[in-house]
Amino acid sequence: MNPAAVADTTTTAGSAGPTSTGPVTGHVTFLGAGPGDPGLLTLRAVEALAAADLLVGDGPVLDVVRGHARADVGTAEPVADGQGPALDPDPAEAAAAAAKLVMASARTGKRVVRAVAGDPGLDPYAAAEMLACAEAGIPFEVVPGVATAVGVPAYAGVPLSGDVRFVDAATASDRCWSEAGTSDTTLVVSTTLQTVAGACAELIASGRRPDTPLTVTVAGTTTRQRTWAATLATIAAELKATKALPTPEGPIAAIAVVGDRAGQREHLSWFETKPLFGWRVLVPRTKEQAASLSDQLRSYGAVPHEVPTIAVEPPRTPQQMERAVKGLVTGRYEWIAFTSVNAVKAVREKFEEYGLDARAFAGIKVAAVGEQTARALVDFGVKPDLVPSGEQSAAGLLEDWPPYDPVFDPIDRVFLPRADIATETLVAGLVELGWEVDDVTAYRTVRASPPPADTREAIKGGGFDAVLFTSSSTVRNLVGIAGKPHNVTVIACIGPATAKTAEEHGLRVDVMAPEPSVQALAQALADYGTARRLAATEAGDPVTRPSERRPGARRRARV
């Protein structure tokens, strides 16, 4: 493959074009992507990614960094000439190909981010690419990242204070193993799951005590992380007993920590003991609607998977919405109340159709049913005057809504844009407070298209550990488009009405939110996960995810 050709076909939006007839030179940022957790990227890394025209890196590294880049950013994986992506190229050849690609792109004026795992300063191939840029006169910078050999032990609960020695098992010499074996220094060994037992045997043969504590971690800092605690003498048997050595998948990178520090993991493990660690949680909402909920689930160690169960369409007759928006501009309303992000979007789209912007809200009080809706308004340029101080729902909004006062309120009318299937709670409550309400259908909700086949199979086959139902309609629609969740899947419902609908569809409800909010629902699921973990620990059983209880799950599970 011709790297220059790849560079010429990547996205160039946002790059600085030539201002003279002289040579055009862009800029290269060698960026450390860390061990795998996107949350470990530095602030400087996020800034560089936001300004990038092209991202260059291996597939897993690109997955870590692309979330902070523009939607139209170009991406490329360096592949040596004559080698397809299915082959495993020589690292030096891949580095040479990357250098050509990076420099060819920079010469066209692009801002290139060359992303590498861990820290670029500790990567000998990244150093060679930097040297190539320097010799070619291409400006570059280095953004350090968290080194894999440092970040992974921290996530495994193994402190590295004191005397520490880092060893790369692939390049370590006999002398290196001999020196490591005769000392009591804590060792951090970069190895693979398949060769770690051999490295331990080397250390024992060189003089290390066979009962020296040891941890071995794979997929470190990600929600797929797994750590084995053993000794130099017992690690081979431990890996064999847990069937952790798949043969057809190739080498699996691992970080081993050898020494007394490894024995502290029992007390300091904080990441793998999160209440929902590694749980795949189905969230039947769009990515936009689920943003805060998914973030909360990630904080508990879960892997959220958003699946839209409804699609939003314009109202069948737009005249009512058009009259209401015109009334908003001409001073017909004292208040406008938004009960969803979709309502904000519908009004915003109608504003844009008429050439209006947020200034049209001048003099009108704005209410939002919750924080997510409030954020959508702020993005629109509107700061809401009223957000519920308690429960984020129509009932919570009514708790804080002021009654109509003819002395202080020159207008007694409220504009309420909402879905065609919304309940009458808010309308009835506002009328009781003395307000006139223009209840307007701003959008229709219809059943979404079915999710991809693999997602449907995971739902029905027990591939998800839990599903969060935030309304009765999400229950009906999910079952309608994807089928009924497997009986090993934990079912969590936001309230009694949603739970009743779930039971009517043959589902066993395991978790109920103590109050009707998505935040309380996620917390309730986390509490359930904590109780489940404690019960397994007290019984002396291994801590497993619900999906691992389905037939054949252990056989199919991958490290």
Protein backbone atom coordinates (compact mmCIF):
# COMPACT_ATOMS: atom_id res chain seq x y z
CA MET A 1 0.00 0.00 0.00
CA ASN A 2 1.23 3.47 -0.82
CA PRO A 3 1.08 5.53 2.40
CA ALA A 4 1.07 8.79 0.50
CA ALA A 5 -2.00 7.66 -1.38
CA VAL A 6 -3.77 6.99 1.91
CA ALA A 7 -2.84 10.43 3.15
CA ASP A 8 -4.27 12.03 0.02
CA THR A 9 -7.66 10.34 0.49
CA THR A 10 -8.17 11.14 4.18
CA THR A 11 -10.46 13.89 5.39
CA THR A 12 -8.94 17.34 5.18
CA ALA A 13 -11.71 19.44 6.70
CA GLY A 14 -10.31 21.99 9.11
CA SER A 15 -6.73 21.80 7.87
CA ALA A 16 -4.93 24.95 6.93
CA GLY A 17 -4.71 25.40 3.18
CA PRO A 18 -1.64 26.86 1.42
CA THR A 19 -1.27 30.62 1.50
CA SER A 20 1.67 30.82 -0.88
CA THR A 21 3.31 28.86 -3.63
CA GLY A 22 5.96 27.51 -1.25
CA PRO A 23 5.93 24.07 0.39
CA VAL A 24 3.08 23.37 2.81
CA THR A 25 4.00 21.84 6.16
CA GLY A 26 1.54 20.66 8.74
CA HIS A 27 2.27 19.41 12.21
CA VAL A 28 2.62 16.03 13.91
CA THR A 29 1.66 15.20 17.48
CA PHE A 30 3.04 11.95 18.91
CA LEU A 31 0.37 11.17 21.49
CA GLY A 32 0.31 8.63 24.28
CA ALA A 33 -3.11 6.91 24.40
CA GLY A 34 -2.37 5.16 27.70
CA PRO A 35 -3.09 1.51 28.54
CA GLY A 36 -6.68 1.39 27.23
CA ASP A 37 -9.01 3.46 29.41
CA PRO A 38 -9.99 6.61 27.41
CA GLY A 39 -10.43 8.40 30.74
CA LEU A 40 -6.64 8.35 31.21
CA LEU A 41 -6.01 10.68 28.26
CA THR A 42 -4.48 13.97 29.38
CA LEU A 43 -6.11 17.36 28.85
CA ARG A 44 -3.37 18.21 26.34
CA ALA A 45 -4.16 14.99 24.46
CA VAL A 46 -7.84 15.93 24.25
CA GLU A 47 -6.90 19.37 22.87
CA ALA A 48 -4.62 17.85 20.24
CA LEU A 49 -7.26 15.34 19.18
CA ALA A 50 -9.90 18.05 18.81
CA ALA A 51 -7.62 19.93 16.39
CA ALA A 52 -6.50 16.89 14.38
CA ASP A 53 -7.17 16.41 10.67
CA LEU A 54 -5.82 12.84 10.63
CA LEU A 55 -5.41 10.13 13.27
CA VAL A 56 -2.78 7.47 12.64
CA GLY A 57 -2.53 4.39 14.84
CA ASP A 58 -3.39 0.75 15.33
CA GLY A 59 -7.08 -0.18 15.53
CA PRO A 60 -7.34 -0.58 19.34
CA VAL A 61 -5.50 2.71 19.90
CA LEU A 62 -7.77 4.55 17.46
CA ASP A 63 -10.77 3.21 19.40
CA VAL A 64 -9.41 4.89 22.52
CA VAL A 65 -8.76 8.33 21.01
CA ARG A 66 -11.34 8.88 18.26
CA GLY A 67 -14.08 9.87 20.70
CA HIS A 68 -12.30 13.18 21.30
CA ALA A 69 -11.72 14.00 17.63
CA ARG A 70 -14.04 15.75 15.17
CA ALA A 71 -16.68 13.61 13.51
CA ASP A 72 -15.10 14.23 10.09
CA VAL A 73 -11.51 13.42 11.11
CA GLY A 74 -9.57 11.07 8.86
CA THR A 75 -8.13 7.84 10.26
CA ALA A 76 -5.48 5.47 8.94
CA GLU A 77 -3.71 2.36 10.20
CA PRO A 78 -0.07 2.05 9.10
CA VAL A 79 0.51 -1.08 7.02
CA ALA A 80 3.87 -1.97 5.50
CA ASP A 81 4.03 -2.25 1.70
CA GLY A 82 2.89 -5.62 0.41
CA GLN A 83 1.23 -6.66 3.67
CA GLY A 84 -2.49 -6.92 4.18
CA PRO A 85 -4.28 -6.08 7.43
CA ALA A 86 -4.72 -9.78 8.23
CA LEU A 87 -0.97 -10.27 8.54
CA ASP A 88 1.15 -9.40 11.57
CA PRO A 89 3.87 -7.10 10.16
CA ASP A 90 7.31 -6.67 11.61
CA PRO A 91 7.14 -3.78 14.12
CA ALA A 92 10.08 -1.99 12.49
CA GLU A 93 8.46 -2.22 9.07
CA ALA A 94 5.14 -0.98 10.45
CA ALA A 95 6.96 1.94 12.10
CA ALA A 96 8.62 2.84 8.80
CA ALA A 97 5.24 2.73 7.05
CA ALA A 98 3.75 4.92 9.79
CA ALA A 99 6.56 7.45 9.43
CA LYS A 100 5.98 7.70 5.67
CA LEU A 101 2.24 8.11 6.15
CA VAL A 102 2.63 10.72 8.88
CA MET A 103 5.18 12.79 6.95
CA ALA A 104 3.28 12.58 3.65
CA SER A 105 0.14 13.84 5.38
CA ALA A 106 1.95 16.63 7.23
CA ARG A 107 3.45 17.86 3.96
CA THR A 108 -0.08 18.50 2.66
CA GLY A 109 -0.76 20.83 5.59
CA LYS A 110 -2.60 18.42 7.85
CA ARG A 111 -2.39 18.37 11.61
CA VAL A 112 -1.56 14.71 12.24
CA VAL A 113 -1.92 12.86 15.54
CA ARG A 114 0.22 9.71 15.68
CA ALA A 115 -1.33 7.80 18.57
CA VAL A 116 0.50 4.97 20.31
CA ALA A 117 -0.39 2.79 23.27
CA GLY A 118 1.05 3.82 26.62
CA ASP A 119 3.63 6.63 26.42
CA PRO A 120 5.39 7.53 23.14
CA GLY A 121 8.63 8.27 24.98
CA LEU A 122 8.85 4.61 26.01
CA ASP A 123 8.12 3.27 22.51
CA PRO A 124 11.33 2.69 20.50
CA TYR A 125 9.43 2.68 17.23
CA ALA A 126 7.75 6.01 18.01
CA ALA A 127 11.21 7.43 18.71
CA ALA A 128 12.31 6.32 15.23
CA GLU A 129 9.30 8.07 13.69
CA MET A 130 10.11 11.26 15.62
CA LEU A 131 13.67 11.14 14.30
CA ALA A 132 12.37 10.75 10.74
CA CYS A 133 10.19 13.86 11.18
CA ALA A 134 13.11 15.81 12.63
CA GLU A 135 15.38 14.87 9.71
CA ALA A 136 12.65 15.88 7.24
CA GLY A 137 12.15 19.26 8.93
CA ILE A 138 8.54 18.52 9.91
CA PRO A 139 7.52 20.19 13.19
CA PHE A 140 6.27 17.83 15.86
CA GLU A 141 5.44 17.66 19.56
CA VAL A 142 5.14 14.86 22.10
CA VAL A 143 2.14 14.48 24.40
CA PRO A 144 3.02 11.95 27.12
CA GLY A 145 0.56 9.27 28.16
CA VAL A 146 0.20 6.90 31.10
CA ALA A 147 2.70 4.10 30.59
CA THR A 148 1.07 0.65 30.37
CA ALA A 149 3.54 -0.84 32.85
CA VAL A 150 2.53 1.82 35.41
CA GLY A 151 -1.20 2.23 34.71
CA VAL A 152 -2.13 -1.45 34.65
CA PRO A 153 -0.73 -2.33 38.12
CA ALA A 154 -2.52 0.74 39.53
CA TYR A 155 -5.85 -0.55 38.14
CA ALA A 156 -5.04 -4.04 39.44
CA GLY A 157 -4.60 -2.70 42.98
CA VAL A 158 -0.83 -3.22 43.12
CA PRO A 159 1.23 -0.21 44.31
CA LEU A 160 4.67 0.29 42.78
CA SER A 161 6.29 2.39 45.47
CA GLY A 162 9.89 1.64 46.42
CA ASP A 163 12.52 -0.10 44.30
CA VAL A 164 10.96 -1.19 40.99
CA ARG A 165 12.49 -2.73 37.89
CA PHE A 166 10.72 -2.94 34.52
CA VAL A 167 11.40 -5.93 32.27
CA ASP A 168 10.27 -6.67 28.72
CA ALA A 169 10.13 -10.46 28.57
CA ALA A 170 10.40 -10.45 24.78
CA THR A 171 13.82 -8.77 24.77
CA ALA A 172 15.21 -9.64 28.22
CA SER A 173 18.64 -11.25 28.18
CA ASP A 174 19.85 -14.13 30.33
CA ARG A 175 21.80 -11.59 32.36
CA CYS A 176 18.65 -9.56 32.94
CA TRP A 177 16.76 -12.61 34.29
CA SER A 178 19.74 -13.56 36.42
CA GLU A 179 19.95 -10.11 38.02
CA ALA A 180 16.17 -9.98 38.54
CA GLY A 181 16.20 -13.42 40.14
CA THR A 182 18.90 -12.61 42.68
CA SER A 183 17.31 -9.37 43.94
CA ASP A 184 14.22 -8.58 46.00
CA THR A 185 13.24 -5.68 43.72
CA THR A 186 9.61 -5.47 42.65
CA LEU A 187 9.47 -6.53 39.00
CA VAL A 188 6.97 -5.28 36.44
CA VAL A 189 7.17 -7.69 33.51
CA SER A 190 5.63 -6.94 30.12
CA THR A 191 4.81 -10.40 28.78
CA THR A 192 1.96 -12.46 27.32
CA LEU A 193 -0.50 -14.75 29.01
CA GLN A 194 0.97 -17.69 27.11
CA THR A 195 4.60 -17.03 28.15
CA VAL A 196 4.20 -15.72 31.70
CA ALA A 197 4.70 -19.19 33.24
CA GLY A 198 7.99 -19.53 31.38
CA ALA A 199 9.14 -16.13 32.66
CA CYS A 200 8.29 -17.20 36.21
CA ALA A 201 10.29 -20.40 35.76
CA GLU A 202 13.25 -18.26 34.59
CA LEU A 203 13.02 -16.19 37.78
CA ILE A 204 12.84 -19.27 40.03
CA ALA A 205 15.82 -20.80 38.23
CA SER A 206 17.71 -17.54 38.79
CA GLY A 207 17.12 -17.56 42.53
CA ARG A 208 13.72 -16.01 43.29
CA ARG A 209 11.71 -17.79 45.98
CA PRO A 210 8.96 -19.97 44.46
CA ASP A 211 6.44 -18.54 46.96
CA THR A 212 7.03 -14.94 45.82
CA PRO A 213 3.61 -13.24 45.30
CA LEU A 214 2.62 -12.50 41.71
CA THR A 215 -0.23 -10.83 39.84
CA VAL A 216 -0.93 -11.19 36.13
CA THR A 217 -3.31 -8.75 34.44
CA VAL A 218 -4.74 -8.76 30.92
CA ALA A 219 -6.80 -6.04 29.18
CA GLY A 220 -5.64 -3.68 31.93
CA THR A 221 -7.60 -0.47 32.67
CA THR A 222 -10.56 -1.61 30.54
CA THR A 223 -13.80 -3.24 31.65
CA ARG A 224 -12.44 -6.50 30.24
CA GLN A 225 -9.59 -6.43 32.76
CA ARG A 226 -8.86 -9.67 34.56
CA THR A 227 -6.19 -10.31 37.19
CA TRP A 228 -4.87 -13.57 38.59
CA ALA A 229 -3.12 -13.58 41.98
CA ALA A 230 -0.75 -16.47 42.64
CA THR A 231 2.95 -17.14 43.27
CA LEU A 232 5.82 -17.80 40.89
CA ALA A 233 5.38 -21.52 41.48
CA THR A 234 1.59 -21.71 41.22
CA ILE A 235 0.72 -19.31 38.39
CA ALA A 236 0.91 -22.01 35.68
CA ALA A 237 -1.58 -24.20 37.55
CA GLU A 238 -3.81 -21.20 38.29
CA LEU A 239 -4.05 -20.21 34.63
CA LYS A 240 -4.71 -23.81 33.64
CA ALA A 241 -7.41 -24.24 36.29
CA THR A 242 -9.29 -21.13 35.14
CA LYS A 243 -8.93 -22.14 31.48
CA ALA A 244 -7.31 -18.80 30.72
CA LEU A 245 -5.04 -19.95 27.92
CA PRO A 246 -6.93 -19.95 24.60
CA THR A 247 -4.81 -21.39 21.82
CA PRO A 248 -6.25 -20.05 18.55
CA GLU A 249 -6.37 -16.36 19.43
CA GLY A 250 -2.66 -15.57 19.38
CA PRO A 251 -0.60 -13.88 22.10
CA ILE A 252 -2.54 -11.97 24.75
CA ALA A 253 -0.55 -9.08 26.22
CA ALA A 254 -0.18 -9.16 30.00
CA ILE A 255 1.50 -7.22 32.78
CA ALA A 256 2.93 -9.28 35.63
CA VAL A 257 4.03 -7.79 38.96
CA VAL A 258 6.43 -9.93 41.00
CA GLY A 259 7.21 -9.20 44.63
CA ASP A 260 5.65 -8.55 48.00
CA ARG A 261 3.74 -5.54 46.61
CA ALA A 262 1.61 -7.96 44.58
CA GLY A 263 0.34 -9.46 47.83
CA GLN A 264 -1.43 -6.18 48.69
CA ARG A 265 -3.95 -6.60 45.88
CA GLU A 266 -6.35 -8.41 48.22
CA HIS A 267 -6.84 -5.15 50.12
CA LEU A 268 -6.26 -2.55 47.39
CA SER A 269 -8.22 -3.91 44.44
CA TRP A 270 -10.58 -1.06 43.57
CA PHE A 271 -11.32 -1.41 39.85
CA GLU A 272 -12.38 -5.03 39.40
CA THR A 273 -14.47 -4.81 42.58
CA LYS A 274 -16.76 -2.07 41.27
CA PRO A 275 -20.43 -3.09 41.74
CA LEU A 276 -21.14 -3.71 38.04
CA PHE A 277 -17.62 -4.43 36.81
CA GLY A 278 -17.71 -5.86 33.31
CA TRP A 279 -21.51 -6.05 33.18
CA ARG A 280 -22.98 -5.45 29.73
CA VAL A 281 -26.02 -3.30 30.44
CA LEU A 282 -28.67 -2.70 27.78
CA VAL A 283 -30.04 0.85 27.82
CA PRO A 284 -33.14 1.09 25.58
CA ARG A 285 -32.62 4.75 24.67
CA THR A 286 -30.84 6.73 21.98
CA LYS A 287 -27.21 7.65 22.56
CA GLU A 288 -28.21 11.31 23.07
CA GLN A 289 -30.89 10.46 25.63
CA ALA A 290 -28.69 7.93 27.43
CA ALA A 291 -25.55 10.07 27.76
CA SER A 292 -25.72 10.84 31.50
CA LEU A 293 -27.15 7.42 32.35
CA SER A 294 -24.40 5.63 30.44
CA ASP A 295 -21.75 7.76 32.16
CA GLN A 296 -23.19 6.80 35.53
CA LEU A 297 -23.17 3.12 34.60
CA ARG A 298 -19.53 3.37 33.48
CA SER A 299 -18.64 4.83 36.88
CA TYR A 300 -19.89 1.54 38.36
CA GLY A 301 -17.68 -0.46 35.97
CA ALA A 302 -20.44 -1.41 33.52
CA VAL A 303 -20.34 -1.42 29.72
CA PRO A 304 -23.53 0.34 28.55
CA HIS A 305 -25.02 -0.55 25.17
CA GLU A 306 -27.61 1.92 23.88
CA VAL A 307 -30.43 0.58 21.70
CA PRO A 308 -33.13 3.04 20.57
CA THR A 309 -36.62 1.62 21.02
CA ILE A 310 -38.49 4.63 19.69
CA ALA A 311 -37.99 6.90 16.71
CA VAL A 312 -39.09 10.51 16.60
CA GLU A 313 -41.12 11.86 13.70
CA PRO A 314 -42.80 15.24 13.01
CA PRO A 315 -46.49 15.64 13.95
CA ARG A 316 -48.97 14.55 11.30
CA THR A 317 -50.40 18.07 11.13
CA PRO A 318 -47.77 20.79 11.66
CA GLN A 319 -50.21 23.74 11.82
CA GLN A 320 -50.70 23.58 15.60
CA MET A 321 -46.95 23.70 16.21
CA GLU A 322 -46.52 26.53 13.72
CA ARG A 323 -49.21 28.65 15.42
CA ALA A 324 -47.65 28.04 18.83
CA VAL A 325 -44.16 29.09 17.70
CA LYS A 326 -45.58 32.26 16.11
CA GLY A 327 -47.43 32.94 19.38
CA LEU A 328 -44.16 32.51 21.24
CA VAL A 329 -42.63 35.31 19.18
CA THR A 330 -45.65 37.63 19.42
CA GLY A 331 -45.94 37.46 23.22
CA ARG A 332 -48.80 34.99 23.67
CA TYR A 333 -47.06 33.02 26.46
CA GLU A 334 -45.68 33.70 29.91
CA TRP A 335 -43.99 30.27 30.13
CA ILE A 336 -42.76 27.49 27.88
CA ALA A 337 -42.21 24.06 29.48
CA PHE A 338 -39.91 21.44 27.97
CA THR A 339 -40.47 17.88 29.16
CA SER A 340 -37.82 16.15 27.04
CA VAL A 341 -34.73 16.64 24.91
CA ASN A 342 -36.87 15.75 21.89
CA ALA A 343 -39.20 18.67 22.67
CA VAL A 344 -36.21 21.03 22.70
CA LYS A 345 -35.06 19.59 19.39
CA ALA A 346 -38.51 19.97 17.82
CA VAL A 347 -38.81 23.64 18.81
CA ARG A 348 -35.23 24.34 17.76
CA GLU A 349 -35.84 22.83 14.32
CA LYS A 350 -39.00 24.92 13.91
CA PHE A 351 -37.05 28.04 14.94
CA GLU A 352 -34.39 27.30 12.32
CA GLU A 353 -37.12 26.81 9.72
CA TYR A 354 -38.35 30.35 10.44
CA GLY A 355 -34.85 31.84 10.71
CA LEU A 356 -35.18 32.37 14.48
CA ASP A 357 -32.66 31.73 17.25
CA ALA A 358 -32.55 31.71 21.05
CA ARG A 359 -33.21 35.46 21.19
CA ALA A 360 -36.87 34.71 20.47
CA PHE A 361 -37.16 33.47 24.09
CA ALA A 362 -36.52 36.98 25.42
CA GLY A 363 -39.11 37.89 28.07
CA ILE A 364 -40.45 34.32 28.31
CA LYS A 365 -39.86 32.09 31.33
CA VAL A 366 -38.46 28.66 30.43
CA ALA A 367 -38.90 25.45 32.42
CA ALA A 368 -37.09 22.12 31.94
CA VAL A 369 -38.23 18.82 33.44
CA GLY A 370 -34.70 17.73 34.34
CA GLU A 371 -30.97 18.28 33.99
CA GLN A 372 -30.63 16.52 30.63
CA THR A 373 -33.37 18.68 29.10
CA ALA A 374 -31.78 21.72 30.71
CA ARG A 375 -28.45 20.90 29.07
CA ALA A 376 -30.14 20.66 25.68
CA LEU A 377 -31.58 24.15 26.25
CA VAL A 378 -28.20 25.55 27.26
CA ASP A 379 -26.72 24.09 24.06
CA PHE A 380 -29.45 26.01 22.23
CA GLY A 381 -28.40 29.20 24.02
CA VAL A 382 -31.25 29.28 26.55
CA LYS A 383 -30.78 29.12 30.31
CA PRO A 384 -33.90 27.64 31.95
CA ASP A 385 -35.55 29.61 34.73
CA LEU A 386 -37.02 26.55 36.42
CA VAL A 387 -35.64 23.02 36.87
CA PRO A 388 -37.13 20.70 39.53
CA SER A 389 -35.22 20.89 42.78
CA GLY A 390 -36.33 17.37 43.68
CA GLU A 391 -37.69 14.59 41.50
CA GLN A 392 -36.87 15.13 37.82
CA SER A 393 -40.32 14.44 36.42
CA ALA A 394 -43.57 16.20 35.58
CA ALA A 395 -44.62 15.78 39.22
CA GLY A 396 -41.34 17.27 40.41
CA LEU A 397 -41.74 20.21 38.04
CA LEU A 398 -45.25 20.89 39.40
CA GLU A 399 -43.88 20.89 42.95
CA ASP A 400 -41.79 23.97 42.13
CA TRP A 401 -44.10 25.64 39.58
CA PRO A 402 -45.57 28.93 40.89
CA PRO A 403 -49.36 29.42 40.80
CA TYR A 404 -50.73 32.00 38.41
CA ASP A 405 -50.86 35.46 40.01
CA PRO A 406 -52.75 38.12 38.00
CA VAL A 407 -50.76 40.87 39.74
CA PHE A 408 -47.30 39.58 38.84
CA ASP A 409 -48.08 37.53 35.74
CA PRO A 410 -49.23 39.69 32.82
CA ILE A 411 -50.02 36.60 30.76
CA ASP A 412 -51.69 33.44 32.03
CA ARG A 413 -50.74 31.02 29.25
CA VAL A 414 -48.15 28.21 29.06
CA PHE A 415 -46.81 26.65 25.85
CA LEU A 416 -46.25 22.92 26.36
CA PRO A 417 -44.56 21.21 23.36
CA ARG A 418 -44.46 17.45 23.91
CA ALA A 419 -44.88 13.95 22.50
CA ASP A 420 -48.14 12.61 21.15
CA ILE A 421 -48.22 9.87 23.81
CA ALA A 422 -47.33 12.02 26.84
CA THR A 423 -49.45 11.73 29.99
CA GLU A 424 -51.79 14.49 31.17
CA THR A 425 -50.12 14.93 34.57
CA LEU A 426 -48.40 18.22 33.80
CA VAL A 427 -51.37 19.74 31.95
CA ALA A 428 -53.79 18.93 34.78
CA GLY A 429 -51.39 20.25 37.40
CA LEU A 430 -50.81 23.55 35.59
CA VAL A 431 -54.55 24.09 35.12
CA GLU A 432 -55.04 23.46 38.82
CA LEU A 433 -52.44 26.17 39.51
CA GLY A 434 -54.52 28.62 37.49
CA TRP A 435 -52.67 28.53 34.15
CA GLU A 436 -54.09 28.17 30.66
CA VAL A 437 -52.14 25.56 28.71
CA ASP A 438 -51.57 25.20 24.98
CA ASP A 439 -50.84 21.47 24.90
CA VAL A 440 -49.14 21.04 21.51
CA THR A 441 -47.93 17.85 19.81
CA ALA A 442 -44.36 18.77 18.85
CA TYR A 443 -43.33 15.29 17.74
CA ARG A 444 -44.60 11.73 17.43
CA THR A 445 -42.94 8.68 18.88
CA VAL A 446 -43.01 5.48 16.85
CA ARG A 447 -41.38 2.12 17.32
CA ALA A 448 -37.75 2.15 16.19
CA SER A 449 -36.25 -0.20 13.63
CA PRO A 450 -34.87 -3.50 14.99
CA PRO A 451 -31.25 -3.38 16.22
CA PRO A 452 -28.51 -5.35 14.39
CA ALA A 453 -28.77 -9.14 14.36
CA ASP A 454 -25.91 -9.64 16.84
CA THR A 455 -27.62 -7.33 19.34
CA ARG A 456 -30.93 -9.15 18.97
CA GLU A 457 -29.15 -12.46 19.50
CA ALA A 458 -27.41 -11.11 22.62
CA ILE A 459 -30.73 -9.90 24.03
CA LYS A 460 -32.53 -13.21 23.51
CA GLY A 461 -29.50 -15.41 24.19
CA GLY A 462 -28.42 -13.92 27.52
CA GLY A 463 -25.48 -11.89 26.25
CA PHE A 464 -26.50 -8.89 28.37
CA ASP A 465 -26.17 -8.91 32.14
CA ALA A 466 -28.93 -6.37 32.77
CA VAL A 467 -31.46 -4.18 31.01
CA LEU A 468 -32.79 -0.87 32.31
CA PHE A 469 -36.42 -0.10 31.50
CA THR A 470 -37.26 3.59 31.95
CA SER A 471 -40.92 3.42 30.87
CA SER A 472 -43.63 0.98 29.87
CA SER A 473 -43.14 1.92 26.24
CA THR A 474 -39.48 0.87 26.36
CA VAL A 475 -40.59 -2.57 27.56
CA ARG A 476 -43.18 -2.99 24.82
CA ASN A 477 -40.97 -1.60 22.09
CA LEU A 478 -37.85 -3.56 23.01
CA VAL A 479 -39.74 -6.84 23.10
CA GLY A 480 -41.41 -5.87 19.84
CA ILE A 481 -38.25 -5.06 17.89
CA ALA A 482 -35.72 -7.42 19.48
CA GLY A 483 -37.52 -10.13 21.47
CA LYS A 484 -37.76 -10.91 25.16
CA PRO A 485 -34.55 -10.71 27.23
CA HIS A 486 -33.13 -14.06 28.41
CA ASN A 487 -34.14 -15.18 31.90
CA VAL A 488 -30.57 -14.77 33.24
CA THR A 489 -30.67 -11.05 32.42
CA VAL A 490 -31.32 -8.79 35.42
CA ILE A 491 -34.42 -6.67 34.77
CA ALA A 492 -34.41 -3.21 36.36
CA CYS A 493 -37.47 -0.95 36.18
CA ILE A 494 -37.91 2.74 36.96
CA GLY A 495 -41.24 2.33 38.75
CA PRO A 496 -44.30 0.15 39.50
CA ALA A 497 -46.09 0.88 36.22
CA THR A 498 -43.03 -0.10 34.18
CA ALA A 499 -42.53 -3.20 36.35
CA LYS A 500 -46.14 -4.23 35.79
CA THR A 501 -45.69 -3.96 32.02
CA ALA A 502 -42.50 -6.02 32.22
CA GLU A 503 -44.28 -8.75 34.19
CA GLU A 504 -47.14 -8.73 31.68
CA HIS A 505 -44.53 -9.54 29.03
CA GLY A 506 -43.28 -12.50 31.04
CA LEU A 507 -40.22 -10.82 32.55
CA ARG A 508 -39.00 -11.28 36.13
CA VAL A 509 -38.35 -7.88 37.72
CA ASP A 510 -35.22 -7.98 39.89
CA VAL A 511 -34.60 -4.30 40.63
CA MET A 512 -36.96 -1.38 41.25
CA ALA A 513 -35.80 2.23 41.54
CA PRO A 514 -36.74 3.78 44.91
CA GLU A 515 -37.86 6.90 43.03
CA PRO A 516 -38.76 7.48 39.37
CA SER A 517 -35.47 8.82 37.99
CA VAL A 518 -32.85 7.25 35.75
CA GLN A 519 -30.13 8.16 38.25
CA ALA A 520 -31.95 6.30 41.03
CA LEU A 521 -32.50 3.35 38.68
CA ALA A 522 -28.79 3.07 37.87
CA GLN A 523 -27.90 3.35 41.57
CA ALA A 524 -30.43 0.63 42.42
CA LEU A 525 -28.80 -1.68 39.86
CA ALA A 526 -25.37 -0.91 41.36
CA ASP A 527 -26.70 -1.75 44.84
CA TYR A 528 -28.01 -5.03 43.47
CA GLY A 529 -24.59 -5.79 41.97
CA THR A 530 -22.88 -5.01 45.28
CA ALA A 531 -25.23 -7.32 47.22
CA ARG A 532 -24.70 -10.07 44.65
CA ARG A 533 -20.91 -9.76 44.93
CA LEU A 534 -21.01 -9.83 48.75
CA ALA A 535 -23.24 -12.91 48.74
CA ALA A 536 -20.87 -14.77 46.42
CA THR A 537 -17.82 -13.77 48.49
CA GLU A 538 -19.41 -14.82 51.79
CA ALA A 539 -20.40 -18.17 50.28
CA GLY A 540 -16.88 -18.70 48.97
CA ASP A 541 -18.12 -18.77 45.38
CA PRO A 542 -16.43 -17.03 42.44
CA VAL A 543 -17.83 -13.63 41.54
CA THR A 544 -19.44 -13.97 38.13
CA ARG A 545 -21.63 -11.83 35.92
CA PRO A 546 -25.28 -12.86 35.35
CA SER A 547 -24.58 -13.64 31.68
CA GLU A 548 -21.97 -16.21 32.74
CA ARG A 549 -24.76 -18.35 34.21
CA ARG A 550 -26.31 -19.13 30.83
CA PRO A 551 -25.53 -22.52 29.26
CA GLY A 552 -22.24 -22.55 27.40
CA ALA A 553 -21.25 -19.06 28.57
CA ARG A 554 -17.99 -20.17 30.16
CA ARG A 555 -17.07 -22.17 27.11
CA ARG A 556 -17.62 -19.16 24.84
CA ALA A 557 -16.17 -16.52 27.21
CA ARG A 558 -13.07 -14.78 25.96
CA VAL A 559 -10.30 -13.25 28.07
